[in-house]
């Protein structure tokens, strides 16, 4: 069974940067074939897709984070990163990692990101 553990959240001032990590347990082979997404959910709002990366490292981003966030993966470490620059107060949310693969659909527990103005 694959498990995801997010880390790297915290409190940062507007304009600052954070790097989130999503570490997966299990086979590196299975991880390398999987697509990973970062989603976020702010209080009172629906969960939304922030960024995704496929097995071939093809990436996609929400319009609201393009040019500020970068998603990357290190298959040898079973880890996906979300580097966030120029953070805004509206980026405040719980950030979740989501893995989909062969018979896999796994969510992490989330990590809080708070951006102060």
Protein backbone atom coordinates (compact mmCIF):
# COMPACT_ATOMS: atom_id res chain seq x y z
CA UNK A 1 0.00 0.00 0.00
CA UNK A 2 1.39 3.39 -0.99
CA UNK A 3 1.36 6.18 1.57
CA UNK A 4 2.11 9.85 0.97
CA UNK A 5 3.61 12.22 3.50
CA UNK A 6 3.72 15.94 2.83
CA UNK A 7 6.12 18.31 4.55
CA UNK A 8 7.53 21.80 4.20
CA UNK A 9 4.49 23.89 5.02
CA UNK A 10 4.60 26.80 7.41
CA UNK A 11 4.11 30.51 7.90
CA UNK A 12 5.73 32.90 5.44
CA UNK A 13 5.37 36.57 4.59
CA UNK A 14 3.90 37.66 1.29
CA UNK A 15 6.56 37.59 -1.41
CA UNK A 16 8.41 34.76 0.28
CA UNK A 17 9.09 31.18 -0.80
CA UNK A 18 8.45 27.68 0.45
CA UNK A 19 9.21 24.23 -0.87
CA UNK A 20 6.75 21.44 -0.20
CA UNK A 21 7.75 17.79 -0.39
CA UNK A 22 5.60 14.73 -0.98
CA UNK A 23 7.33 11.48 -0.13
CA UNK A 24 5.80 8.17 -1.19
CA UNK A 25 6.38 4.78 0.36
CA UNK A 26 6.73 1.66 -1.76
CA UNK A 27 8.28 0.75 -5.07
CA UNK A 28 10.33 3.35 -6.93
CA UNK A 29 9.26 1.63 -10.15
CA UNK A 30 5.58 2.14 -9.37
CA UNK A 31 6.23 5.71 -8.27
CA UNK A 32 8.04 6.53 -11.50
CA UNK A 33 4.99 5.42 -13.49
CA UNK A 34 2.56 7.46 -11.40
CA UNK A 35 1.15 10.92 -11.89
CA UNK A 36 1.39 13.25 -8.90
CA UNK A 37 -0.67 16.34 -8.27
CA UNK A 38 -0.70 19.05 -5.63
CA UNK A 39 -4.13 20.31 -4.61
CA UNK A 40 -5.05 22.90 -2.03
CA UNK A 41 -8.07 23.78 0.02
CA UNK A 42 -8.61 27.11 1.69
CA UNK A 43 -11.18 27.54 4.50
CA UNK A 44 -14.69 27.62 3.11
CA UNK A 45 -13.55 26.82 -0.42
CA UNK A 46 -13.45 23.73 -2.59
CA UNK A 47 -10.27 21.79 -3.09
CA UNK A 48 -8.52 22.89 -6.27
CA UNK A 49 -5.73 21.53 -8.44
CA UNK A 50 -2.52 23.54 -8.17
CA UNK A 51 -0.03 21.59 -10.25
CA UNK A 52 0.59 18.13 -11.66
CA UNK A 53 3.46 16.11 -13.04
CA UNK A 54 3.20 12.93 -15.10
CA UNK A 55 5.55 9.99 -15.36
CA UNK A 56 7.37 11.64 -18.26
CA UNK A 57 7.75 14.83 -16.22
CA UNK A 58 5.13 16.66 -18.25
CA UNK A 59 3.73 19.36 -16.00
CA UNK A 60 0.58 21.44 -15.76
CA UNK A 61 -0.35 24.38 -13.53
CA UNK A 62 -3.40 26.31 -12.43
CA UNK A 63 -3.47 29.75 -14.01
CA UNK A 64 -3.29 31.34 -10.55
CA UNK A 65 0.17 29.86 -9.86
CA UNK A 66 1.79 29.84 -13.32
CA UNK A 67 5.16 31.53 -13.23
CA UNK A 68 5.33 31.35 -9.43
CA UNK A 69 5.15 27.63 -8.60
CA UNK A 70 7.29 24.82 -9.98
CA UNK A 71 6.55 21.13 -9.60
CA UNK A 72 9.32 18.57 -9.98
CA UNK A 73 10.00 14.96 -9.11
CA UNK A 74 12.92 12.81 -8.01
CA UNK A 75 11.98 9.24 -8.82
CA UNK A 76 15.06 7.84 -7.09
CA UNK A 77 13.76 9.34 -3.84
CA UNK A 78 10.05 8.69 -4.49
CA UNK A 79 9.50 12.38 -3.90
CA UNK A 80 7.69 15.22 -5.62
CA UNK A 81 8.37 18.85 -4.80
CA UNK A 82 6.37 22.02 -5.15
CA UNK A 83 8.56 25.10 -5.09
CA UNK A 84 6.47 28.18 -4.41
CA UNK A 85 7.81 31.67 -5.04
CA UNK A 86 6.22 35.12 -4.74
CA UNK A 87 3.66 33.78 -2.33
CA UNK A 88 0.45 35.72 -1.81
CA UNK A 89 -2.04 35.70 1.07
CA UNK A 90 -4.52 33.99 -1.26
CA UNK A 91 -2.15 31.02 -1.47
CA UNK A 92 -2.99 30.24 2.16
CA UNK A 93 -4.47 26.74 2.29
CA UNK A 94 -3.86 23.16 3.24
CA UNK A 95 -1.84 21.59 0.44
CA UNK A 96 -2.43 17.95 -0.43
CA UNK A 97 -0.44 15.52 -2.49
CA UNK A 98 -2.37 13.11 -4.75
CA UNK A 99 -0.93 10.09 -6.55
CA UNK A 100 -2.66 8.17 -9.31
CA UNK A 101 -1.26 5.11 -11.00
CA UNK A 102 -1.98 1.51 -11.81
CA UNK A 103 -4.82 0.67 -9.39
CA UNK A 104 -3.67 3.53 -7.19
CA UNK A 105 -5.49 6.65 -5.99
CA UNK A 106 -3.82 7.95 -2.84
CA UNK A 107 -4.02 11.23 -0.92
CA UNK A 108 -1.67 12.58 1.69
CA UNK A 109 -2.75 14.11 4.97
CA UNK A 110 -1.96 17.67 3.91
CA UNK A 111 0.39 20.41 5.06
CA UNK A 112 -0.66 23.93 6.06
CA UNK A 113 0.71 26.92 4.20
CA UNK A 114 -0.06 30.34 5.65
CA UNK A 115 0.99 33.53 3.88
CA UNK A 116 0.79 36.71 5.91
CA UNK A 117 0.31 40.12 4.32
